[in-house]
Amino acid sequence: MKIWFWPIVLGLLSAAALLVGLLFDNAWDEVATLMLALPVGVALWFGWYRR
């Protein structure tokens, strides 16, 4: 379970961001963008910068 914790958290965060982006407007769109940018940032960090 330890190895699956962070991928599950990032997946749930992405799903929540998509729902927030679809259901709410204005400032919530920026919140959804930041929530969707976090998994991308994590992937860049572990895939590119940690080489």
C-alpha atoms as a PDB file:
ATOM      1  CA  MET A   1       0.000   0.000   0.000  1.00  0.00           C
ATOM      2  CA  LYS A   2       2.905   2.333   0.663  1.00  0.00           C
ATOM      3  CA  ILE A   3       3.918   2.450  -2.995  1.00  0.00           C
ATOM      4  CA  TRP A   4       0.380   3.283  -4.162  1.00  0.00           C
ATOM      5  CA  PHE A   5      -0.382   6.109  -1.725  1.00  0.00           C
ATOM      6  CA  TRP A   6       0.974   9.092  -3.696  1.00  0.00           C
ATOM      7  CA  PRO A   7      -0.245   7.968  -7.130  1.00  0.00           C
ATOM      8  CA  ILE A   8      -3.734   7.526  -5.663  1.00  0.00           C
ATOM      9  CA  VAL A   9      -3.557  10.961  -4.024  1.00  0.00           C
ATOM     10  CA  LEU A  10      -2.483  12.576  -7.305  1.00  0.00           C
ATOM     11  CA  GLY A  11      -5.248  10.741  -9.194  1.00  0.00           C
ATOM     12  CA  LEU A  12      -7.908  11.847  -6.717  1.00  0.00           C
ATOM     13  CA  LEU A  13      -6.570  15.396  -6.859  1.00  0.00           C
ATOM     14  CA  SER A  14      -6.814  15.350 -10.650  1.00  0.00           C
ATOM     15  CA  ALA A  15     -10.356  13.993 -10.555  1.00  0.00           C
ATOM     16  CA  ALA A  16     -11.382  16.619  -8.004  1.00  0.00           C
ATOM     17  CA  ALA A  17      -9.801  19.345 -10.133  1.00  0.00           C
ATOM     18  CA  LEU A  18     -11.754  18.242 -13.191  1.00  0.00           C
ATOM     19  CA  LEU A  19     -14.997  18.280 -11.219  1.00  0.00           C
ATOM     20  CA  VAL A  20     -14.237  21.691  -9.736  1.00  0.00           C
ATOM     21  CA  GLY A  21     -13.403  23.040 -13.174  1.00  0.00           C
ATOM     22  CA  LEU A  22     -16.666  21.750 -14.616  1.00  0.00           C
ATOM     23  CA  LEU A  23     -19.009  22.689 -11.792  1.00  0.00           C
ATOM     24  CA  PHE A  24     -17.754  26.101 -10.633  1.00  0.00           C
ATOM     25  CA  ASP A  25     -16.666  29.346 -12.281  1.00  0.00           C
ATOM     26  CA  ASN A  26     -14.479  32.395 -11.719  1.00  0.00           C
ATOM     27  CA  ALA A  27     -11.889  31.895  -8.979  1.00  0.00           C
ATOM     28  CA  TRP A  28     -12.555  28.162  -8.884  1.00  0.00           C
ATOM     29  CA  ASP A  29     -11.173  27.866 -12.413  1.00  0.00           C
ATOM     30  CA  GLU A  30      -7.800  29.058 -11.127  1.00  0.00           C
ATOM     31  CA  VAL A  31      -8.012  26.609  -8.227  1.00  0.00           C
ATOM     32  CA  ALA A  32      -8.739  23.785 -10.671  1.00  0.00           C
ATOM     33  CA  THR A  33      -5.799  24.865 -12.841  1.00  0.00           C
ATOM     34  CA  LEU A  34      -3.438  24.779  -9.878  1.00  0.00           C
ATOM     35  CA  MET A  35      -4.791  21.397  -8.801  1.00  0.00           C
ATOM     36  CA  LEU A  36      -4.185  20.018 -12.307  1.00  0.00           C
ATOM     37  CA  ALA A  37      -0.727  21.602 -12.491  1.00  0.00           C
ATOM     38  CA  LEU A  38       0.432  19.823  -9.344  1.00  0.00           C
ATOM     39  CA  PRO A  39       0.617  16.298 -10.871  1.00  0.00           C
ATOM     40  CA  VAL A  40       2.382  17.774 -13.904  1.00  0.00           C
ATOM     41  CA  GLY A  41       4.884  19.471 -11.613  1.00  0.00           C
ATOM     42  CA  VAL A  42       5.470  16.261  -9.684  1.00  0.00           C
ATOM     43  CA  ALA A  43       6.009  14.341 -12.926  1.00  0.00           C
ATOM     44  CA  LEU A  44       8.466  16.953 -14.154  1.00  0.00           C
ATOM     45  CA  TRP A  45      10.310  16.914 -10.851  1.00  0.00           C
ATOM     46  CA  PHE A  46      10.746  13.154 -10.719  1.00  0.00           C
ATOM     47  CA  GLY A  47      11.121  12.645 -14.463  1.00  0.00           C
ATOM     48  CA  TRP A  48      13.397  15.485 -15.478  1.00  0.00           C
ATOM     49  CA  TYR A  49      15.039  17.348 -12.607  1.00  0.00           C
ATOM     50  CA  ARG A  50      16.061  14.342 -10.512  1.00  0.00           C
ATOM     51  CA  ARG A  51      18.236  12.770 -13.208  1.00  0.00           C
END
